[in-house]
Amino acid sequence: MDPDTRALAALTPAGPMPDEAAQGWAALGRGEWKQAQVRFEAALAEADTPEAWEGLAWAAWWLDDIPAIFEARERAYRLYRRRGDCRGAARSATWLGLDHVDFRGQSAVASGWLRRAHRLLEKTPQSPEHAWLMTFDAHHWPW
C-alpha cells in the first residue's frame, strides 16, 4: 500500500456505513473529489450519519470549499458525540482545530477543539486519532 493510501485509510471511519457513504470514501481514495461529494450528499439524503458528514468535509477540503468544510466537520463531530463514538468525535475535533488555524488564523478556537480531542481520547486505546492529535500538537504548539 502506497503512503497516500495508508494516510487515507487512517482517516477513514472504522466500521459499517451506508453504501453511498462507503462509495464516497472509495471515491476519495481514487482522488475523485467531486464524485465523492456527490456520493456523500446522496448518503446524507438517505440518513444523517457522521461518516457521510466527515467524508463530505474531506471532499470539500479537496475542492477548496472552506465554509462547507467547517459545516460538515462540525456536524460530524456532533453526531459522533451523540453516538458515543469518542474516536470519531476526536478525529473531527482534531481536524477542526487544524482548520481553524490554517483557514481562519484562529489559534484560540483551534486550541479549544484540540483540548476537546485530548479529553475524548484520554480513556481510549492508542489509535491513529492519537497519532494525528500528537502530530498537530507538535506542529502547532504553543497555542
Protein backbone atom coordinates (compact mmCIF):
# COMPACT_ATOMS: atom_id res chain seq x y z
CA MET A 1 0.00 0.00 0.00
CA ASP A 2 1.44 3.36 -1.03
CA PRO A 3 1.83 6.17 1.57
CA ASP A 4 -1.15 8.19 0.30
CA THR A 5 -3.45 5.17 0.53
CA ARG A 6 -2.21 4.41 4.06
CA ALA A 7 -2.81 8.01 5.13
CA LEU A 8 -6.37 7.99 3.78
CA ALA A 9 -7.02 4.63 5.44
CA ALA A 10 -6.04 6.19 8.78
CA LEU A 11 -8.64 8.92 8.21
CA THR A 12 -11.48 6.66 7.08
CA PRO A 13 -14.03 5.87 9.80
CA ALA A 14 -13.97 2.28 11.01
CA GLY A 15 -16.99 0.05 10.97
CA PRO A 16 -20.06 -0.30 8.81
CA MET A 17 -21.55 2.65 6.98
CA PRO A 18 -24.26 3.18 4.37
CA ASP A 19 -23.34 2.07 0.85
CA GLU A 20 -23.38 5.59 -0.62
CA ALA A 21 -21.01 6.79 2.13
CA ALA A 22 -18.69 3.83 1.51
CA GLN A 23 -18.70 4.69 -2.19
CA GLY A 24 -17.86 8.29 -1.26
CA TRP A 25 -14.86 7.16 0.76
CA ALA A 26 -13.76 4.95 -2.15
CA ALA A 27 -14.02 7.96 -4.50
CA LEU A 28 -11.84 9.98 -2.09
CA GLY A 29 -9.28 7.18 -2.23
CA ARG A 30 -9.21 7.47 -6.02
CA GLY A 31 -8.86 11.27 -5.90
CA GLU A 32 -12.32 11.81 -7.39
CA TRP A 33 -13.29 14.74 -5.17
CA LYS A 34 -16.46 15.85 -6.99
CA GLN A 35 -17.72 12.26 -7.27
CA ALA A 36 -17.04 11.79 -3.56
CA GLN A 37 -19.03 14.95 -2.80
CA VAL A 38 -21.98 13.65 -4.86
CA ARG A 39 -21.87 10.26 -3.08
CA PHE A 40 -21.73 11.80 0.38
CA GLU A 41 -24.60 14.17 -0.41
CA ALA A 42 -26.63 11.18 -1.65
CA ALA A 43 -25.79 9.31 1.56
CA LEU A 44 -26.96 12.28 3.63
CA ALA A 45 -30.23 12.41 1.69
CA GLU A 46 -30.85 8.86 2.96
CA ALA A 47 -29.55 9.18 6.53
CA ASP A 48 -27.84 11.81 8.69
CA THR A 49 -24.63 9.92 9.56
CA PRO A 50 -21.33 11.22 10.89
CA GLU A 51 -19.39 9.11 8.40
CA ALA A 52 -21.10 10.86 5.49
CA TRP A 53 -20.57 14.32 7.02
CA GLU A 54 -16.92 13.52 7.72
CA GLY A 55 -16.42 12.34 4.17
CA LEU A 56 -18.20 15.39 2.80
CA ALA A 57 -15.78 17.54 4.81
CA TRP A 58 -12.83 15.84 3.10
CA ALA A 59 -14.39 16.26 -0.34
CA ALA A 60 -14.96 19.94 0.47
CA TRP A 61 -11.35 20.25 1.67
CA TRP A 62 -10.03 18.94 -1.64
CA LEU A 63 -12.47 21.16 -3.57
CA ASP A 64 -11.40 24.20 -1.50
CA ASP A 65 -14.93 24.86 -0.23
CA ILE A 66 -13.96 26.30 3.15
CA PRO A 67 -17.46 27.06 4.53
CA ALA A 68 -18.55 23.51 3.67
CA ILE A 69 -15.51 22.06 5.45
CA PHE A 70 -16.47 23.70 8.73
CA GLU A 71 -20.17 22.87 8.49
CA ALA A 72 -19.53 19.23 7.63
CA ARG A 73 -16.82 18.67 10.27
CA GLU A 74 -18.95 20.28 13.00
CA ARG A 75 -21.95 18.15 12.08
CA ALA A 76 -19.79 15.02 12.06
CA TYR A 77 -18.42 15.95 15.47
CA ARG A 78 -21.91 16.42 16.97
CA LEU A 79 -23.22 13.16 15.52
CA TYR A 80 -20.18 11.16 16.68
CA ARG A 81 -20.64 12.64 20.17
CA ARG A 82 -24.34 11.79 20.17
CA ARG A 83 -23.45 8.22 19.16
CA GLY A 84 -20.80 7.99 21.90
CA ASP A 85 -18.00 7.45 19.37
CA CYS A 86 -15.07 9.13 21.10
CA ARG A 87 -12.57 8.35 18.37
CA GLY A 88 -14.79 9.75 15.62
CA ALA A 89 -15.56 12.87 17.63
CA ALA A 90 -11.88 13.34 18.48
CA ARG A 91 -10.89 12.89 14.85
CA SER A 92 -13.38 15.59 13.83
CA ALA A 93 -12.28 17.89 16.66
CA THR A 94 -8.62 17.47 15.74
CA TRP A 95 -9.18 18.42 12.12
CA LEU A 96 -11.44 21.30 13.13
CA GLY A 97 -8.59 22.59 15.27
CA LEU A 98 -6.18 22.46 12.38
CA ASP A 99 -8.74 24.01 10.02
CA HIS A 100 -9.31 26.94 12.38
CA VAL A 101 -5.58 27.71 12.33
CA ASP A 102 -5.00 27.09 8.64
CA PHE A 103 -8.10 28.72 7.15
CA ARG A 104 -9.08 31.33 9.71
CA GLY A 105 -5.96 32.03 11.76
CA GLN A 106 -7.96 31.38 14.95
CA SER A 107 -5.46 29.84 17.36
CA ALA A 108 -7.69 30.19 20.44
CA VAL A 109 -10.58 28.39 18.74
CA ALA A 110 -8.17 25.74 17.47
CA SER A 111 -6.86 25.22 20.97
CA GLY A 112 -10.38 24.58 22.23
CA TRP A 113 -11.03 21.94 19.58
CA LEU A 114 -7.70 20.22 20.25
CA ARG A 115 -8.35 20.17 24.00
CA ARG A 116 -11.72 18.51 23.30
CA ALA A 117 -9.94 15.91 21.20
CA HIS A 118 -7.48 15.24 24.06
CA ARG A 119 -10.34 14.79 26.56
CA LEU A 120 -12.18 12.44 24.22
CA LEU A 121 -9.12 10.25 23.69
CA GLU A 122 -7.97 10.11 27.34
CA LYS A 123 -9.60 6.75 28.06
CA THR A 124 -9.43 5.14 24.64
CA PRO A 125 -6.79 2.66 23.43
CA GLN A 126 -3.99 4.02 21.24
CA SER A 127 -5.24 4.65 17.71
CA PRO A 128 -4.50 6.69 14.59
CA GLU A 129 -6.50 9.52 16.18
CA HIS A 130 -3.91 9.75 18.97
CA ALA A 131 -1.11 9.97 16.40
CA TRP A 132 -2.84 12.71 14.37
CA LEU A 133 -3.51 14.72 17.51
CA MET A 134 0.11 14.41 18.72
CA THR A 135 1.32 15.46 15.27
CA PHE A 136 -0.79 18.61 15.35
CA ASP A 137 0.25 19.35 18.91
CA ALA A 138 3.91 19.17 17.90
CA HIS A 139 3.42 21.13 14.71
CA HIS A 140 1.30 23.98 16.08
CA TRP A 141 2.37 24.29 19.70
CA PRO A 142 2.40 26.68 21.55
CA TRP A 143 -1.17 27.84 21.26
